[in-house]
Amino acid sequence: MTSPAPPMPAPAVDALEEPPRISVVVIAHERPTYLGEALRSVSAQQIPEGRVEKILVKNFHDTATDALCVELGVENIFCGEQSATLKVRTGLHACRAPIITMLDYDDRYRAGRLARVLGEFRANPQLGFFRNGMAVIDGSGAPFPPRELPLSLAWMGRHRRILLRDADKGHTSPRLHASRPDFCVSTMAWRREVSADLDPYWNRLKFSADSLLFAAAWASPYDLVIEPTRLTEYRIHGANVSGVARGGAAITPQREAWERQRTSDLEVLEQFAAQHDRPELLLDLRLRSYRDRVARRLGAPEAHRADARALAAELPSLLQPPTSVGLLLQSSVCLGASFLSPSLGRWVASHTT
């Protein structure tokens, strides 16, 4: 059993006349590629000096990056942890501001993002979590070809602005109209209180920091805003999860490892939801886990109709409000295709992400 972790330390007092209003934590793992673009996109935000705290957490030494941090006024923290989520924990412990946001090393902020985030929290004192839309770019920074986008990303952002009051969470699906609000930490910002008690979970997760932060916001007594305006640029390249799992990509050792890690992370997230008495969040996570099992099992070369029948028998237990219609449809289409033809089921499963 994991022992209780000490509470997150209070914001430090320094020589600033007033504390920063927002902390930006940039996380870099093993590679400096794209990191300069990420750091410059933070420094280019039109926020008065001293009102934004810029923090980089990385697990490698690079003289060019270190020099850039000095030039841009970025606090440069070396963290020897291999786990991406433990680097997130390190960054959160360094934050002093009441509002926190993050940026992966390979993503970028668009102009005006931090001002918009601060404006949202200023306008709604009950706001605990803000998630903006994102544009998808490739390795060169150009717009990613829409026809090559994974289906799950192609549909993101096709919704109106969502304001979810805390009182309404119990009868609302956490999928929030297929907006995937738990995806891409570079699009998220939250009150410091939301992430204050997450230490026991960071060392158990492999890479799902974004999902844990969203779950914590859902479990908190604060409101959520899901805004479709594209204020973040999310990059797809060969070394990140979306690049590995693009629409029907072959089952490689790297993809198999990623799927094992995602399964493990979902188990941790389900425990979080159960411990915080959020049955609607727990149901959503169980349905997500079910969808993944359907896709993996029916995408295997040895899959046959008996597998589809066994998986279909589990569906009734998931048909409870507020079940995500989108996740149910993905699973049902895959199951239906498998009854028609195992090979068709494998093709559908390979395109389910």
Protein backbone atom coordinates (compact mmCIF):
# COMPACT_ATOMS: atom_id res chain seq x y z
CA MET A 1 0.00 0.00 0.00
CA THR A 2 1.31 3.43 -0.91
CA SER A 3 2.00 5.59 2.12
CA PRO A 4 0.49 9.09 2.15
CA ALA A 5 2.73 11.63 0.48
CA PRO A 6 3.52 14.97 2.12
CA PRO A 7 1.36 17.86 0.86
CA MET A 8 2.65 20.02 -1.97
CA PRO A 9 4.72 22.83 -0.47
CA ALA A 10 3.24 26.31 -0.31
CA PRO A 11 4.44 28.86 -2.88
CA ALA A 12 7.87 30.16 -2.00
CA VAL A 13 8.46 33.81 -1.13
CA ASP A 14 11.07 35.61 -3.22
CA ALA A 15 12.11 39.12 -4.15
CA LEU A 16 9.27 39.70 -6.62
CA GLU A 17 6.95 42.54 -5.64
CA GLU A 18 4.05 40.20 -6.29
CA PRO A 19 3.97 36.44 -6.96
CA PRO A 20 3.49 35.19 -10.52
CA ARG A 21 -0.09 34.61 -11.58
CA ILE A 22 0.63 31.57 -13.74
CA SER A 23 3.33 28.89 -13.78
CA VAL A 24 4.28 27.19 -17.04
CA VAL A 25 6.02 23.82 -16.72
CA VAL A 26 7.79 22.49 -19.82
CA ILE A 27 8.64 18.78 -19.73
CA ALA A 28 11.41 17.32 -21.90
CA HIS A 29 12.37 13.65 -21.96
CA GLU A 30 15.70 12.42 -23.38
CA ARG A 31 15.74 14.64 -26.48
CA PRO A 32 16.17 18.39 -27.11
CA THR A 33 14.52 18.24 -30.57
CA TYR A 34 11.76 20.88 -30.83
CA LEU A 35 12.43 22.07 -27.27
CA GLY A 36 13.75 25.46 -28.37
CA GLU A 37 10.50 26.11 -30.27
CA ALA A 38 8.47 25.21 -27.19
CA LEU A 39 10.44 27.50 -24.88
CA ARG A 40 10.31 30.43 -27.31
CA SER A 41 6.56 30.01 -27.70
CA VAL A 42 6.21 30.47 -23.93
CA SER A 43 8.48 33.51 -23.79
CA ALA A 44 6.65 35.11 -26.73
CA GLN A 45 3.40 35.31 -24.74
CA GLN A 46 2.37 38.90 -23.98
CA ILE A 47 2.41 38.60 -20.19
CA PRO A 48 4.12 41.25 -18.01
CA GLU A 49 7.51 40.18 -16.69
CA GLY A 50 7.18 38.67 -13.23
CA ARG A 51 3.58 37.56 -13.78
CA VAL A 52 4.54 34.29 -15.47
CA GLU A 53 6.89 31.70 -14.02
CA LYS A 54 8.71 29.59 -16.64
CA ILE A 55 10.07 26.21 -15.56
CA LEU A 56 11.81 23.51 -17.61
CA VAL A 57 12.20 19.97 -16.25
CA LYS A 58 14.46 17.70 -18.29
CA ASN A 59 16.50 14.54 -17.76
CA PHE A 60 19.42 15.32 -20.06
CA HIS A 61 22.27 17.83 -20.23
CA ASP A 62 22.51 20.09 -23.26
CA THR A 63 24.60 23.28 -23.31
CA ALA A 64 22.51 24.94 -26.05
CA THR A 65 19.30 24.37 -24.09
CA ASP A 66 20.91 25.60 -20.89
CA ALA A 67 22.05 28.80 -22.62
CA LEU A 68 18.57 29.35 -24.05
CA CYS A 69 17.03 29.01 -20.58
CA VAL A 70 19.35 31.74 -19.31
CA GLU A 71 18.43 33.96 -22.28
CA LEU A 72 14.66 33.47 -21.81
CA GLY A 73 14.57 33.55 -18.01
CA VAL A 74 13.51 29.92 -17.64
CA GLU A 75 14.19 28.03 -14.42
CA ASN A 76 16.17 24.99 -15.59
CA ILE A 77 15.63 21.88 -13.44
CA PHE A 78 17.49 18.64 -14.09
CA CYS A 79 15.54 15.56 -13.04
CA GLY A 80 17.18 12.16 -13.36
CA GLU A 81 13.84 10.32 -13.36
CA GLN A 82 13.13 8.36 -16.55
CA SER A 83 9.40 8.45 -15.94
CA ALA A 84 7.67 11.37 -17.67
CA THR A 85 5.08 11.56 -14.90
CA LEU A 86 7.72 11.89 -12.21
CA LYS A 87 9.16 14.85 -14.11
CA VAL A 88 5.65 16.33 -14.06
CA ARG A 89 5.61 15.88 -10.29
CA THR A 90 8.98 17.62 -10.01
CA GLY A 91 7.71 20.55 -12.05
CA LEU A 92 4.52 20.89 -10.03
CA HIS A 93 6.50 21.04 -6.80
CA ALA A 94 8.50 23.96 -8.20
CA CYS A 95 5.42 26.04 -9.08
CA ARG A 96 4.52 29.13 -7.02
CA ALA A 97 1.56 30.55 -8.92
CA PRO A 98 -2.15 29.87 -8.22
CA ILE A 99 -2.70 28.82 -11.86
CA ILE A 100 -0.60 26.08 -13.49
CA THR A 101 -0.26 25.05 -17.12
CA MET A 102 2.12 22.74 -18.94
CA LEU A 103 3.77 22.25 -22.32
CA ASP A 104 5.36 19.13 -23.79
CA TYR A 105 8.77 19.73 -25.34
CA ASP A 106 7.47 19.04 -28.87
CA ASP A 107 4.35 21.26 -28.73
CA ARG A 108 3.95 25.04 -29.00
CA TYR A 109 1.68 27.74 -27.63
CA ARG A 110 0.01 30.11 -30.05
CA ALA A 111 0.13 33.84 -29.39
CA GLY A 112 -2.23 34.98 -26.65
CA ARG A 113 -2.77 31.60 -25.00
CA LEU A 114 -1.56 32.53 -21.51
CA ALA A 115 -3.51 35.79 -21.54
CA ARG A 116 -6.64 33.85 -22.48
CA VAL A 117 -6.06 31.32 -19.70
CA LEU A 118 -5.61 34.05 -17.08
CA GLY A 119 -8.72 35.82 -18.37
CA GLU A 120 -10.79 32.66 -18.01
CA PHE A 121 -9.80 32.10 -14.39
CA ARG A 122 -10.25 35.78 -13.58
CA ALA A 123 -13.76 35.77 -15.05
CA ASN A 124 -14.93 32.67 -13.15
CA PRO A 125 -13.73 32.34 -9.54
CA GLN A 126 -15.18 28.80 -9.45
CA LEU A 127 -13.19 27.63 -12.48
CA GLY A 128 -10.81 24.79 -11.67
CA PHE A 129 -9.82 23.47 -15.12
CA PHE A 130 -9.55 25.02 -18.58
CA ARG A 131 -8.83 23.07 -21.73
CA ASN A 132 -8.41 24.80 -25.11
CA GLY A 133 -8.49 23.41 -28.63
CA MET A 134 -5.42 22.49 -30.61
CA ALA A 135 -4.06 22.58 -34.13
CA VAL A 136 -2.02 19.58 -35.28
CA ILE A 137 1.41 20.14 -36.83
CA ASP A 138 4.08 17.84 -38.24
CA GLY A 139 7.78 17.55 -37.50
CA SER A 140 8.57 20.68 -39.52
CA GLY A 141 5.88 22.74 -37.81
CA ALA A 142 3.58 22.77 -40.84
CA PRO A 143 -0.13 21.88 -40.56
CA PHE A 144 -0.54 18.11 -40.42
CA PRO A 145 -2.34 16.75 -43.53
CA PRO A 146 -6.00 16.37 -42.44
CA ARG A 147 -6.46 13.14 -44.41
CA GLU A 148 -3.62 11.51 -42.49
CA LEU A 149 -4.88 12.43 -39.02
CA PRO A 150 -6.01 9.62 -36.71
CA LEU A 151 -9.81 9.65 -36.58
CA SER A 152 -9.84 10.45 -32.87
CA LEU A 153 -7.83 13.64 -33.53
CA ALA A 154 -9.70 14.62 -36.68
CA TRP A 155 -12.95 14.88 -34.70
CA MET A 156 -11.50 16.90 -31.83
CA GLY A 157 -12.55 20.51 -31.57
CA ARG A 158 -15.84 20.00 -33.41
CA HIS A 159 -17.94 21.19 -30.50
CA ARG A 160 -19.15 24.41 -28.98
CA ARG A 161 -17.69 25.88 -25.84
CA ILE A 162 -18.60 23.75 -22.82
CA LEU A 163 -19.02 25.09 -19.30
CA LEU A 164 -19.62 22.26 -16.83
CA ARG A 165 -20.64 23.24 -13.33
CA ASP A 166 -19.49 21.02 -10.51
CA ALA A 167 -23.11 20.27 -9.57
CA ASP A 168 -23.73 18.76 -13.03
CA LYS A 169 -20.82 16.31 -13.15
CA GLY A 170 -22.73 13.40 -11.60
CA HIS A 171 -25.10 13.06 -14.56
CA THR A 172 -22.68 14.06 -17.35
CA SER A 173 -20.41 11.83 -19.41
CA PRO A 174 -16.76 12.82 -18.91
CA ARG A 175 -16.27 12.45 -22.68
CA LEU A 176 -18.04 15.83 -23.00
CA HIS A 177 -19.38 15.46 -26.53
CA ALA A 178 -16.30 13.62 -27.87
CA SER A 179 -14.06 16.58 -27.04
CA ARG A 180 -11.45 14.24 -25.50
CA PRO A 181 -10.93 16.65 -22.58
CA ASP A 182 -8.31 14.37 -20.98
CA PHE A 183 -5.94 14.44 -23.96
CA CYS A 184 -2.80 16.59 -24.44
CA VAL A 185 -1.47 18.25 -21.31
CA SER A 186 -0.24 21.17 -23.46
CA THR A 187 -3.87 22.30 -23.82
CA MET A 188 -4.67 22.27 -20.08
CA ALA A 189 -4.55 24.77 -17.24
CA TRP A 190 -5.83 24.32 -13.70
CA ARG A 191 -6.01 25.76 -10.21
CA ARG A 192 -3.12 24.77 -8.00
CA GLU A 193 -5.52 22.99 -5.62
CA VAL A 194 -6.55 20.51 -8.34
CA SER A 195 -3.11 18.88 -8.50
CA ALA A 196 -2.10 19.39 -4.86
CA ASP A 197 -2.78 15.83 -3.66
CA LEU A 198 -1.67 13.73 -6.62
CA ASP A 199 1.77 12.66 -5.36
CA PRO A 200 0.70 9.06 -4.55
CA TYR A 201 -0.26 8.55 -8.20
CA TRP A 202 2.63 10.02 -10.20
CA ASN A 203 5.06 7.15 -9.60
CA ARG A 204 2.38 4.59 -10.56
CA LEU A 205 1.54 6.09 -13.95
CA LYS A 206 3.61 5.51 -17.07
CA PHE A 207 2.67 8.53 -19.18
CA SER A 208 -1.01 9.51 -18.61
CA ALA A 209 -0.37 12.80 -16.84
CA ASP A 210 -3.06 14.50 -18.92
CA SER A 211 -5.69 11.91 -17.98
CA LEU A 212 -4.84 12.12 -14.27
CA LEU A 213 -5.00 15.91 -14.26
CA PHE A 214 -8.40 15.84 -15.95
CA ALA A 215 -9.64 13.18 -13.51
CA ALA A 216 -8.43 15.32 -10.60
CA ALA A 217 -10.26 18.34 -12.02
CA TRP A 218 -13.42 16.25 -12.43
CA ALA A 219 -13.15 15.02 -8.84
CA SER A 220 -12.56 18.54 -7.53
CA PRO A 221 -15.37 20.90 -6.38
CA TYR A 222 -14.62 23.31 -9.25
CA ASP A 223 -16.11 24.05 -12.68
CA LEU A 224 -14.60 22.96 -16.01
CA VAL A 225 -14.40 24.84 -19.31
CA ILE A 226 -13.68 23.07 -22.61
CA GLU A 227 -12.94 25.75 -25.21
CA PRO A 228 -12.58 24.80 -28.91
CA THR A 229 -10.39 27.81 -29.84
CA ARG A 230 -7.03 26.46 -31.03
CA LEU A 231 -4.48 28.01 -28.71
CA THR A 232 -1.99 25.10 -28.70
CA GLU A 233 -0.12 23.38 -31.52
CA TYR A 234 0.18 19.64 -30.96
CA ARG A 235 2.95 17.96 -32.92
CA ILE A 236 2.77 14.46 -34.40
CA HIS A 237 6.14 12.86 -35.15
CA GLY A 238 7.71 9.43 -35.09
CA ALA A 239 8.71 9.49 -31.42
CA ASN A 240 5.45 10.40 -29.68
CA VAL A 241 2.35 8.35 -28.91
CA SER A 242 0.21 9.71 -31.75
CA GLY A 243 3.00 8.99 -34.21
CA VAL A 244 3.32 5.41 -32.99
CA ALA A 245 -0.43 4.74 -33.02
CA ARG A 246 -1.50 6.57 -36.18
CA GLY A 247 -4.62 5.20 -37.94
CA GLY A 248 -4.00 1.50 -38.16
CA ALA A 249 -0.25 1.56 -37.75
CA ALA A 250 1.41 -1.83 -37.67
CA ILE A 251 1.70 -3.60 -34.31
CA THR A 252 5.35 -2.90 -33.54
CA PRO A 253 7.18 -3.64 -30.27
CA GLN A 254 7.01 0.08 -29.51
CA ARG A 255 3.26 0.16 -30.00
CA GLU A 256 2.79 -3.02 -27.95
CA ALA A 257 4.77 -1.45 -25.09
CA TRP A 258 2.68 1.72 -25.31
CA GLU A 259 -0.58 -0.25 -25.17
CA ARG A 260 0.62 -2.21 -22.12
CA GLN A 261 1.48 1.06 -20.41
CA ARG A 262 -1.91 2.54 -21.28
CA THR A 263 -3.66 -0.50 -19.81
CA SER A 264 -1.67 -0.13 -16.59
CA ASP A 265 -2.45 3.59 -16.44
CA LEU A 266 -6.17 2.98 -16.87
CA GLU A 267 -6.13 0.69 -13.84
CA VAL A 268 -4.54 3.45 -11.74
CA LEU A 269 -7.07 6.01 -13.01
CA GLU A 270 -9.96 3.66 -12.18
CA GLN A 271 -8.63 3.37 -8.62
CA PHE A 272 -8.45 7.17 -8.41
CA ALA A 273 -12.09 7.53 -9.54
CA ALA A 274 -13.28 4.86 -7.10
CA GLN A 275 -11.40 6.41 -4.17
CA HIS A 276 -12.90 9.83 -4.93
CA ASP A 277 -16.48 8.52 -5.18
CA ARG A 278 -16.99 9.59 -8.80
CA PRO A 279 -19.07 6.75 -10.31
CA GLU A 280 -19.60 8.61 -13.59
CA LEU A 281 -15.83 8.96 -14.05
CA LEU A 282 -15.25 5.34 -13.04
CA LEU A 283 -17.86 4.13 -15.56
CA ASP A 284 -16.20 6.16 -18.31
CA LEU A 285 -12.77 4.74 -17.52
CA ARG A 286 -14.11 1.18 -17.46
CA LEU A 287 -15.79 1.73 -20.83
CA ARG A 288 -12.55 3.15 -22.22
CA SER A 289 -10.68 0.09 -20.95
CA TYR A 290 -13.32 -2.15 -22.54
CA ARG A 291 -13.00 -0.35 -25.87
CA ASP A 292 -9.24 -0.86 -25.78
CA ARG A 293 -9.62 -4.58 -25.00
CA VAL A 294 -12.04 -4.97 -27.89
CA ALA A 295 -9.63 -3.28 -30.27
CA ARG A 296 -6.60 -5.28 -29.10
CA ARG A 297 -8.31 -8.68 -28.99
CA LEU A 298 -10.15 -8.40 -32.28
CA GLY A 299 -7.13 -6.86 -33.94
CA ALA A 300 -5.01 -9.93 -33.18
CA PRO A 301 -4.31 -12.36 -36.05
CA GLU A 302 -5.94 -15.27 -34.17
CA ALA A 303 -9.20 -13.40 -33.42
CA HIS A 304 -12.46 -15.14 -34.33
CA ARG A 305 -16.21 -14.83 -33.76
CA ALA A 306 -16.07 -16.53 -30.36
CA ASP A 307 -13.97 -13.63 -29.08
CA ALA A 308 -16.56 -11.16 -30.34
CA ARG A 309 -19.37 -13.10 -28.61
CA ALA A 310 -17.50 -13.18 -25.30
CA LEU A 311 -16.78 -9.45 -25.45
CA ALA A 312 -20.36 -8.64 -26.48
CA ALA A 313 -21.60 -10.44 -23.35
CA GLU A 314 -19.86 -7.79 -21.22
CA LEU A 315 -21.63 -4.83 -22.83
CA PRO A 316 -24.84 -4.84 -20.71
CA SER A 317 -22.87 -4.05 -17.55
CA LEU A 318 -21.63 -0.84 -19.21
CA LEU A 319 -25.04 0.39 -20.39
CA GLN A 320 -25.61 2.79 -17.52
CA PRO A 321 -26.10 6.55 -17.62
CA PRO A 322 -24.09 8.64 -18.23
CA THR A 323 -22.34 6.17 -20.57
CA SER A 324 -20.32 7.65 -23.43
CA VAL A 325 -22.23 7.00 -26.65
CA GLY A 326 -19.05 7.53 -28.68
CA LEU A 327 -17.06 4.83 -26.90
CA LEU A 328 -20.00 2.43 -27.10
CA LEU A 329 -20.32 3.02 -30.83
CA GLN A 330 -16.62 2.38 -31.40
CA SER A 331 -16.80 -0.91 -29.51
CA SER A 332 -20.10 -1.95 -31.15
CA VAL A 333 -18.88 -1.28 -34.69
CA CYS A 334 -15.76 -3.33 -34.04
CA LEU A 335 -17.79 -6.19 -32.55
CA GLY A 336 -20.34 -6.09 -35.37
CA ALA A 337 -17.62 -6.21 -38.00
CA SER A 338 -16.07 -9.24 -36.29
CA PHE A 339 -19.34 -11.16 -36.46
CA LEU A 340 -19.42 -10.53 -40.21
CA SER A 341 -15.78 -11.39 -40.79
CA PRO A 342 -12.74 -11.80 -38.48
CA SER A 343 -10.56 -10.00 -41.03
CA LEU A 344 -13.02 -7.08 -41.17
CA GLY A 345 -13.01 -6.95 -37.38
CA ARG A 346 -9.22 -6.79 -37.38
CA TRP A 347 -9.26 -3.91 -39.87
CA VAL A 348 -11.81 -1.93 -37.83
CA ALA A 349 -9.92 -2.64 -34.61
CA SER A 350 -6.65 -1.43 -36.15
CA HIS A 351 -8.32 1.94 -36.84
CA THR A 352 -9.81 2.30 -33.35
CA THR A 353 -7.72 4.57 -31.08
